[in-house]
PDB file of N, CA and C in Angstrom:
ATOM      1  N   MET A   1     -20.202 -41.426  15.027  1.00  0.00           N
ATOM      2  CA  MET A   1     -20.180 -40.074  14.340  1.00  0.00           C
ATOM      3  C   MET A   1     -21.089 -39.144  15.141  1.00  0.00           C
ATOM      4  N   VAL A   2     -20.496 -37.821  15.690  1.00  0.00           N
ATOM      5  CA  VAL A   2     -21.138 -36.913  16.442  1.00  0.00           C
ATOM      6  C   VAL A   2     -21.363 -35.591  15.480  1.00  0.00           C
ATOM      7  N   GLY A   3     -22.334 -34.878  16.011  1.00  0.00           N
ATOM      8  CA  GLY A   3     -22.475 -33.709  15.093  1.00  0.00           C
ATOM      9  C   GLY A   3     -21.447 -32.413  15.505  1.00  0.00           C
ATOM     10  N   TYR A   4     -21.521 -31.536  14.948  1.00  0.00           N
ATOM     11  CA  TYR A   4     -20.472 -30.348  15.086  1.00  0.00           C
ATOM     12  C   TYR A   4     -20.725 -29.704  16.465  1.00  0.00           C
ATOM     13  N   ARG A   5     -21.780 -29.441  16.994  1.00  0.00           N
ATOM     14  CA  ARG A   5     -21.986 -28.976  18.411  1.00  0.00           C
ATOM     15  C   ARG A   5     -21.547 -29.934  19.344  1.00  0.00           C
ATOM     16  N   GLU A   6     -21.942 -31.358  19.238  1.00  0.00           N
ATOM     17  CA  GLU A   6     -21.466 -32.252  20.188  1.00  0.00           C
ATOM     18  C   GLU A   6     -19.930 -32.415  20.198  1.00  0.00           C
ATOM     19  N   MET A   7     -19.387 -32.385  19.015  1.00  0.00           N
ATOM     20  CA  MET A   7     -18.095 -32.463  18.827  1.00  0.00           C
ATOM     21  C   MET A   7     -17.181 -31.177  19.543  1.00  0.00           C
ATOM     22  N   MET A   8     -17.831 -30.129  19.393  1.00  0.00           N
ATOM     23  CA  MET A   8     -17.103 -28.862  20.066  1.00  0.00           C
ATOM     24  C   MET A   8     -17.471 -29.078  21.694  1.00  0.00           C
ATOM     25  N   ARG A   9     -18.418 -29.554  22.088  1.00  0.00           N
ATOM     26  CA  ARG A   9     -18.644 -29.792  23.366  1.00  0.00           C
ATOM     27  C   ARG A   9     -17.602 -30.702  24.061  1.00  0.00           C
ATOM     28  N   LEU A  10     -17.272 -31.722  23.308  1.00  0.00           N
ATOM     29  CA  LEU A  10     -16.391 -32.796  23.648  1.00  0.00           C
ATOM     30  C   LEU A  10     -14.847 -32.328  23.685  1.00  0.00           C
ATOM     31  N   VAL A  11     -14.583 -31.357  22.675  1.00  0.00           N
ATOM     32  CA  VAL A  11     -13.421 -30.442  22.589  1.00  0.00           C
ATOM     33  C   VAL A  11     -13.082 -29.843  23.888  1.00  0.00           C
ATOM     34  N   LYS A  12     -14.107 -28.891  24.233  1.00  0.00           N
ATOM     35  CA  LYS A  12     -14.104 -27.938  25.389  1.00  0.00           C
ATOM     36  C   LYS A  12     -13.984 -28.691  26.576  1.00  0.00           C
ATOM     37  N   ALA A  13     -14.543 -29.995  26.785  1.00  0.00           N
ATOM     38  CA  ALA A  13     -14.394 -30.849  27.917  1.00  0.00           C
ATOM     39  C   ALA A  13     -13.058 -31.607  27.982  1.00  0.00           C
ATOM     40  N   GLY A  14     -12.308 -31.546  26.964  1.00  0.00           N
ATOM     41  CA  GLY A  14     -11.111 -32.237  27.002  1.00  0.00           C
ATOM     42  C   GLY A  14     -11.180 -33.624  26.643  1.00  0.00           C
ATOM     43  N   GLU A  15     -12.147 -34.031  26.033  1.00  0.00           N
ATOM     44  CA  GLU A  15     -12.340 -35.507  25.705  1.00  0.00           C
ATOM     45  C   GLU A  15     -11.919 -35.883  24.128  1.00  0.00           C
ATOM     46  N   ILE A  16     -11.496 -34.943  23.403  1.00  0.00           N
ATOM     47  CA  ILE A  16     -11.018 -34.965  22.160  1.00  0.00           C
ATOM     48  C   ILE A  16      -9.523 -34.536  22.041  1.00  0.00           C
ATOM     49  N   ASP A  17      -8.688 -35.336  21.516  1.00  0.00           N
ATOM     50  CA  ASP A  17      -7.227 -34.817  21.195  1.00  0.00           C
ATOM     51  C   ASP A  17      -6.983 -34.601  19.622  1.00  0.00           C
ATOM     52  N   CYS A  18      -7.652 -35.257  18.777  1.00  0.00           N
ATOM     53  CA  CYS A  18      -7.490 -35.135  17.568  1.00  0.00           C
ATOM     54  C   CYS A  18      -8.900 -35.076  16.702  1.00  0.00           C
ATOM     55  N   ILE A  19      -8.909 -34.492  15.523  1.00  0.00           N
ATOM     56  CA  ILE A  19     -10.179 -34.347  14.908  1.00  0.00           C
ATOM     57  C   ILE A  19      -9.811 -34.771  13.302  1.00  0.00           C
ATOM     58  N   TYR A  20     -10.352 -35.654  12.710  1.00  0.00           N
ATOM     59  CA  TYR A  20     -10.093 -35.996  11.318  1.00  0.00           C
ATOM     60  C   TYR A  20     -11.176 -35.428  10.535  1.00  0.00           C
ATOM     61  N   ILE A  21     -10.917 -34.839   9.422  1.00  0.00           N
ATOM     62  CA  ILE A  21     -11.817 -34.103   8.546  1.00  0.00           C
ATOM     63  C   ILE A  21     -11.370 -34.676   7.098  1.00  0.00           C
ATOM     64  N   TYR A  22     -12.470 -35.228   6.346  1.00  0.00           N
ATOM     65  CA  TYR A  22     -12.426 -35.557   5.180  1.00  0.00           C
ATOM     66  C   TYR A  22     -12.374 -34.314   4.358  1.00  0.00           C
ATOM     67  N   ARG A  23     -13.298 -33.357   4.360  1.00  0.00           N
ATOM     68  CA  ARG A  23     -13.255 -32.202   3.520  1.00  0.00           C
ATOM     69  C   ARG A  23     -13.435 -31.014   4.466  1.00  0.00           C
ATOM     70  N   MET A  24     -12.910 -30.039   4.242  1.00  0.00           N
ATOM     71  CA  MET A  24     -12.855 -28.803   5.090  1.00  0.00           C
ATOM     72  C   MET A  24     -14.168 -28.134   5.026  1.00  0.00           C
ATOM     73  N   ARG A  25     -15.082 -28.312   4.071  1.00  0.00           N
ATOM     74  CA  ARG A  25     -16.436 -27.874   4.009  1.00  0.00           C
ATOM     75  C   ARG A  25     -17.257 -28.731   5.113  1.00  0.00           C
ATOM     76  N   GLN A  26     -16.875 -29.710   5.503  1.00  0.00           N
ATOM     77  CA  GLN A  26     -17.588 -30.465   6.589  1.00  0.00           C
ATOM     78  C   GLN A  26     -17.778 -29.489   7.836  1.00  0.00           C
ATOM     79  N   ILE A  27     -16.773 -28.710   7.995  1.00  0.00           N
ATOM     80  CA  ILE A  27     -16.789 -27.609   9.032  1.00  0.00           C
ATOM     81  C   ILE A  27     -17.477 -26.524   8.714  1.00  0.00           C
ATOM     82  N   SER A  28     -17.014 -25.701   7.604  1.00  0.00           N
ATOM     83  CA  SER A  28     -17.719 -24.697   7.213  1.00  0.00           C
ATOM     84  C   SER A  28     -16.869 -24.270   5.904  1.00  0.00           C
ATOM     85  N   GLY A  29     -17.848 -23.426   4.878  1.00  0.00           N
ATOM     86  CA  GLY A  29     -17.199 -22.936   3.760  1.00  0.00           C
ATOM     87  C   GLY A  29     -16.739 -21.602   3.924  1.00  0.00           C
ATOM     88  N   LYS A  30     -17.267 -21.024   5.190  1.00  0.00           N
ATOM     89  CA  LYS A  30     -17.093 -19.644   5.402  1.00  0.00           C
ATOM     90  C   LYS A  30     -15.650 -19.403   6.273  1.00  0.00           C
ATOM     91  N   GLU A  31     -14.925 -18.536   5.762  1.00  0.00           N
ATOM     92  CA  GLU A  31     -13.418 -18.142   6.397  1.00  0.00           C
ATOM     93  C   GLU A  31     -13.666 -17.846   7.959  1.00  0.00           C
ATOM     94  N   GLN A  32     -14.504 -16.984   8.211  1.00  0.00           N
ATOM     95  CA  GLN A  32     -14.734 -16.610   9.541  1.00  0.00           C
ATOM     96  C   GLN A  32     -15.018 -17.689  10.534  1.00  0.00           C
ATOM     97  N   HIS A  33     -15.905 -18.574  10.080  1.00  0.00           N
ATOM     98  CA  HIS A  33     -16.291 -19.784  10.875  1.00  0.00           C
ATOM     99  C   HIS A  33     -15.214 -20.739  11.136  1.00  0.00           C
ATOM    100  N   LEU A  34     -14.434 -20.891   9.962  1.00  0.00           N
ATOM    101  CA  LEU A  34     -13.310 -21.835   9.964  1.00  0.00           C
ATOM    102  C   LEU A  34     -12.246 -21.251  10.934  1.00  0.00           C
ATOM    103  N   TYR A  35     -11.915 -19.922  10.905  1.00  0.00           N
ATOM    104  CA  TYR A  35     -10.977 -19.465  11.658  1.00  0.00           C
ATOM    105  C   TYR A  35     -11.493 -19.451  13.281  1.00  0.00           C
ATOM    106  N   ARG A  36     -12.606 -19.335  13.615  1.00  0.00           N
ATOM    107  CA  ARG A  36     -13.199 -19.604  15.001  1.00  0.00           C
ATOM    108  C   ARG A  36     -13.142 -21.094  15.326  1.00  0.00           C
ATOM    109  N   PHE A  37     -13.243 -21.890  14.520  1.00  0.00           N
ATOM    110  CA  PHE A  37     -13.104 -23.318  14.833  1.00  0.00           C
ATOM    111  C   PHE A  37     -11.582 -23.736  15.134  1.00  0.00           C
ATOM    112  N   PHE A  38     -10.685 -23.208  14.366  1.00  0.00           N
ATOM    113  CA  PHE A  38      -9.214 -23.395  14.764  1.00  0.00           C
ATOM    114  C   PHE A  38      -8.780 -22.687  15.959  1.00  0.00           C
ATOM    115  N   GLN A  39      -9.420 -21.356  16.284  1.00  0.00           N
ATOM    116  CA  GLN A  39      -8.996 -20.922  17.535  1.00  0.00           C
ATOM    117  C   GLN A  39      -9.527 -21.765  18.625  1.00  0.00           C
ATOM    118  N   GLN A  40     -10.538 -22.233  18.481  1.00  0.00           N
ATOM    119  CA  GLN A  40     -11.211 -23.014  19.741  1.00  0.00           C
ATOM    120  C   GLN A  40     -10.374 -24.347  19.838  1.00  0.00           C
ATOM    121  N   VAL A  41      -9.999 -25.037  18.785  1.00  0.00           N
ATOM    122  CA  VAL A  41      -9.294 -26.429  18.969  1.00  0.00           C
ATOM    123  C   VAL A  41      -7.838 -26.185  19.389  1.00  0.00           C
ATOM    124  N   MET A  42      -7.283 -24.967  18.953  1.00  0.00           N
ATOM    125  CA  MET A  42      -5.900 -24.725  19.434  1.00  0.00           C
ATOM    126  C   MET A  42      -6.023 -24.384  20.948  1.00  0.00           C
ATOM    127  N   GLN A  43      -7.008 -23.605  21.467  1.00  0.00           N
ATOM    128  CA  GLN A  43      -7.067 -23.338  22.836  1.00  0.00           C
ATOM    129  C   GLN A  43      -7.188 -24.674  23.702  1.00  0.00           C
ATOM    130  N   HIS A  44      -7.568 -25.709  23.326  1.00  0.00           N
ATOM    131  CA  HIS A  44      -7.812 -26.985  23.920  1.00  0.00           C
ATOM    132  C   HIS A  44      -6.748 -27.909  23.453  1.00  0.00           C
ATOM    133  N   GLY A  45      -5.879 -27.648  22.606  1.00  0.00           N
ATOM    134  CA  GLY A  45      -4.687 -28.447  22.281  1.00  0.00           C
ATOM    135  C   GLY A  45      -5.111 -29.585  21.466  1.00  0.00           C
ATOM    136  N   VAL A  46      -6.118 -29.440  20.532  1.00  0.00           N
ATOM    137  CA  VAL A  46      -6.652 -30.440  19.708  1.00  0.00           C
ATOM    138  C   VAL A  46      -5.868 -30.343  18.399  1.00  0.00           C
ATOM    139  N   LYS A  47      -5.455 -31.466  17.861  1.00  0.00           N
ATOM    140  CA  LYS A  47      -4.888 -31.501  16.550  1.00  0.00           C
ATOM    141  C   LYS A  47      -5.815 -31.825  15.406  1.00  0.00           C
ATOM    142  N   VAL A  48      -5.737 -31.392  14.120  1.00  0.00           N
ATOM    143  CA  VAL A  48      -6.823 -31.443  13.118  1.00  0.00           C
ATOM    144  C   VAL A  48      -6.062 -32.097  12.076  1.00  0.00           C
ATOM    145  N   VAL A  49      -6.561 -33.245  11.496  1.00  0.00           N
ATOM    146  CA  VAL A  49      -5.884 -34.068  10.619  1.00  0.00           C
ATOM    147  C   VAL A  49      -6.889 -33.958   9.412  1.00  0.00           C
ATOM    148  N   THR A  50      -6.443 -33.712   8.022  1.00  0.00           N
ATOM    149  CA  THR A  50      -7.176 -33.842   6.956  1.00  0.00           C
ATOM    150  C   THR A  50      -6.746 -35.146   6.282  1.00  0.00           C
ATOM    151  N   LEU A  51      -7.807 -35.754   5.602  1.00  0.00           N
ATOM    152  CA  LEU A  51      -7.470 -37.070   4.805  1.00  0.00           C
ATOM    153  C   LEU A  51      -7.178 -36.909   3.348  1.00  0.00           C
ATOM    154  N   GLU A  52      -7.556 -35.929   2.922  1.00  0.00           N
ATOM    155  CA  GLU A  52      -7.418 -35.874   1.374  1.00  0.00           C
ATOM    156  C   GLU A  52      -6.280 -34.954   0.772  1.00  0.00           C
ATOM    157  N   TYR A  53      -5.761 -34.079   1.678  1.00  0.00           N
ATOM    158  CA  TYR A  53      -4.943 -33.030   1.438  1.00  0.00           C
ATOM    159  C   TYR A  53      -4.182 -32.468   2.549  1.00  0.00           C
ATOM    160  N   SER A  54      -3.081 -31.631   2.302  1.00  0.00           N
ATOM    161  CA  SER A  54      -2.470 -31.055   3.424  1.00  0.00           C
ATOM    162  C   SER A  54      -3.271 -29.968   4.137  1.00  0.00           C
ATOM    163  N   LEU A  55      -3.435 -30.033   5.450  1.00  0.00           N
ATOM    164  CA  LEU A  55      -4.310 -29.143   5.952  1.00  0.00           C
ATOM    165  C   LEU A  55      -3.747 -27.542   5.901  1.00  0.00           C
ATOM    166  N   ARG A  56      -2.367 -27.427   5.966  1.00  0.00           N
ATOM    167  CA  ARG A  56      -1.890 -26.067   5.604  1.00  0.00           C
ATOM    168  C   ARG A  56      -2.076 -25.683   4.374  1.00  0.00           C
ATOM    169  N   ASP A  57      -1.953 -26.524   3.385  1.00  0.00           N
ATOM    170  CA  ASP A  57      -2.107 -26.032   2.104  1.00  0.00           C
ATOM    171  C   ASP A  57      -3.536 -25.533   1.764  1.00  0.00           C
ATOM    172  N   ARG A  58      -4.404 -26.341   2.371  1.00  0.00           N
ATOM    173  CA  ARG A  58      -5.938 -25.985   2.237  1.00  0.00           C
ATOM    174  C   ARG A  58      -6.167 -24.683   2.934  1.00  0.00           C
ATOM    175  N   LEU A  59      -5.708 -24.470   4.134  1.00  0.00           N
ATOM    176  CA  LEU A  59      -5.840 -23.277   4.919  1.00  0.00           C
ATOM    177  C   LEU A  59      -5.451 -22.082   4.060  1.00  0.00           C
ATOM    178  N   HIS A  60      -4.164 -22.301   3.444  1.00  0.00           N
ATOM    179  CA  HIS A  60      -3.639 -21.182   2.727  1.00  0.00           C
ATOM    180  C   HIS A  60      -4.501 -20.879   1.505  1.00  0.00           C
ATOM    181  N   GLY A  61      -5.286 -21.919   1.005  1.00  0.00           N
ATOM    182  CA  GLY A  61      -6.270 -21.732   0.019  1.00  0.00           C
ATOM    183  C   GLY A  61      -7.355 -20.846   0.532  1.00  0.00           C
ATOM    184  N   TYR A  62      -7.762 -20.922   1.983  1.00  0.00           N
ATOM    185  CA  TYR A  62      -8.774 -20.128   2.353  1.00  0.00           C
ATOM    186  C   TYR A  62      -8.285 -19.018   2.914  1.00  0.00           C
ATOM    187  N   ARG A  63      -6.933 -18.505   2.739  1.00  0.00           N
ATOM    188  CA  ARG A  63      -6.282 -17.513   3.212  1.00  0.00           C
ATOM    189  C   ARG A  63      -6.304 -17.437   4.824  1.00  0.00           C
ATOM    190  N   LEU A  64      -6.113 -18.534   5.509  1.00  0.00           N
ATOM    191  CA  LEU A  64      -6.300 -18.576   6.941  1.00  0.00           C
ATOM    192  C   LEU A  64      -4.974 -19.115   7.477  1.00  0.00           C
ATOM    193  N   GLU A  65      -4.016 -19.580   7.007  1.00  0.00           N
ATOM    194  CA  GLU A  65      -2.652 -20.249   7.319  1.00  0.00           C
ATOM    195  C   GLU A  65      -2.026 -18.940   8.243  1.00  0.00           C
ATOM    196  N   MET A  66      -1.760 -17.899   7.806  1.00  0.00           N
ATOM    197  CA  MET A  66      -1.067 -16.828   8.431  1.00  0.00           C
ATOM    198  C   MET A  66      -1.852 -16.304   9.637  1.00  0.00           C
ATOM    199  N   LYS A  67      -3.154 -16.313   9.454  1.00  0.00           N
ATOM    200  CA  LYS A  67      -4.011 -15.774  10.524  1.00  0.00           C
ATOM    201  C   LYS A  67      -4.019 -16.827  11.790  1.00  0.00           C
ATOM    202  N   ILE A  68      -3.837 -18.054  11.402  1.00  0.00           N
ATOM    203  CA  ILE A  68      -3.879 -19.068  12.457  1.00  0.00           C
ATOM    204  C   ILE A  68      -2.504 -19.076  13.008  1.00  0.00           C
ATOM    205  N   GLU A  69      -1.521 -19.019  12.441  1.00  0.00           N
ATOM    206  CA  GLU A  69      -0.082 -19.178  12.756  1.00  0.00           C
ATOM    207  C   GLU A  69       0.226 -17.793  13.848  1.00  0.00           C
ATOM    208  N   ASN A  70      -0.433 -16.583  13.296  1.00  0.00           N
ATOM    209  CA  ASN A  70      -0.230 -15.421  14.213  1.00  0.00           C
ATOM    210  C   ASN A  70      -1.122 -15.545  15.464  1.00  0.00           C
ATOM    211  N   TYR A  71      -2.197 -16.053  15.514  1.00  0.00           N
ATOM    212  CA  TYR A  71      -3.065 -16.166  16.495  1.00  0.00           C
ATOM    213  C   TYR A  71      -2.407 -17.265  17.582  1.00  0.00           C
ATOM    214  N   ALA A  72      -1.861 -18.309  17.146  1.00  0.00           N
ATOM    215  CA  ALA A  72      -1.180 -19.236  17.888  1.00  0.00           C
ATOM    216  C   ALA A  72       0.103 -18.485  18.495  1.00  0.00           C
ATOM    217  N   ALA A  73       0.924 -17.767  17.785  1.00  0.00           N
ATOM    218  CA  ALA A  73       2.091 -17.142  18.301  1.00  0.00           C
ATOM    219  C   ALA A  73       1.526 -16.035  19.427  1.00  0.00           C
ATOM    220  N   ARG A  74       0.711 -15.346  19.096  1.00  0.00           N
ATOM    221  CA  ARG A  74       0.164 -14.336  20.116  1.00  0.00           C
ATOM    222  C   ARG A  74      -0.234 -14.878  21.550  1.00  0.00           C
ATOM    223  N   HIS A  75      -0.871 -16.164  21.321  1.00  0.00           N
ATOM    224  CA  HIS A  75      -1.533 -16.818  22.591  1.00  0.00           C
ATOM    225  C   HIS A  75      -0.627 -17.922  22.980  1.00  0.00           C
ATOM    226  N   LYS A  76       0.515 -18.066  22.457  1.00  0.00           N
ATOM    227  CA  LYS A  76       1.561 -19.066  22.763  1.00  0.00           C
ATOM    228  C   LYS A  76       0.904 -20.557  22.786  1.00  0.00           C
ATOM    229  N   LEU A  77       0.128 -20.882  21.678  1.00  0.00           N
ATOM    230  CA  LEU A  77      -0.504 -22.035  21.343  1.00  0.00           C
ATOM    231  C   LEU A  77       0.152 -22.850  20.367  1.00  0.00           C
ATOM    232  N   SER A  78      -0.038 -24.349  20.406  1.00  0.00           N
ATOM    233  CA  SER A  78       0.544 -25.080  19.193  1.00  0.00           C
ATOM    234  C   SER A  78      -0.274 -24.997  18.027  1.00  0.00           C
ATOM    235  N   PHE A  79       0.395 -25.161  16.748  1.00  0.00           N
ATOM    236  CA  PHE A  79      -0.549 -25.122  15.788  1.00  0.00           C
ATOM    237  C   PHE A  79      -1.510 -26.389  15.791  1.00  0.00           C
ATOM    238  N   PRO A  80      -2.511 -26.324  15.017  1.00  0.00           N
ATOM    239  CA  PRO A  80      -3.398 -27.433  14.959  1.00  0.00           C
ATOM    240  C   PRO A  80      -2.957 -28.546  14.013  1.00  0.00           C
ATOM    241  N   TRP A  81      -1.981 -28.457  13.315  1.00  0.00           N
ATOM    242  CA  TRP A  81      -1.419 -29.497  12.286  1.00  0.00           C
ATOM    243  C   TRP A  81      -0.281 -30.279  12.925  1.00  0.00           C
TER     244      TRP A  81
END
């Protein structure tokens, strides 16, 4: 298991293609930080899989689903789910 900074270094290096999350709060409880995380993983083509719930449903609860979808559309990126 790696820490967040090391994980993001590996994402940027292209060494990770999927991130499994047990709870969204493992990344952050702050909307802005979660949004930045999803921007970065989408830029590198990384998928995010949640283990307890639907990622899209959880992001909707954080009011991020539409922001992420709009960001992906503007930058022609795949969704992280």
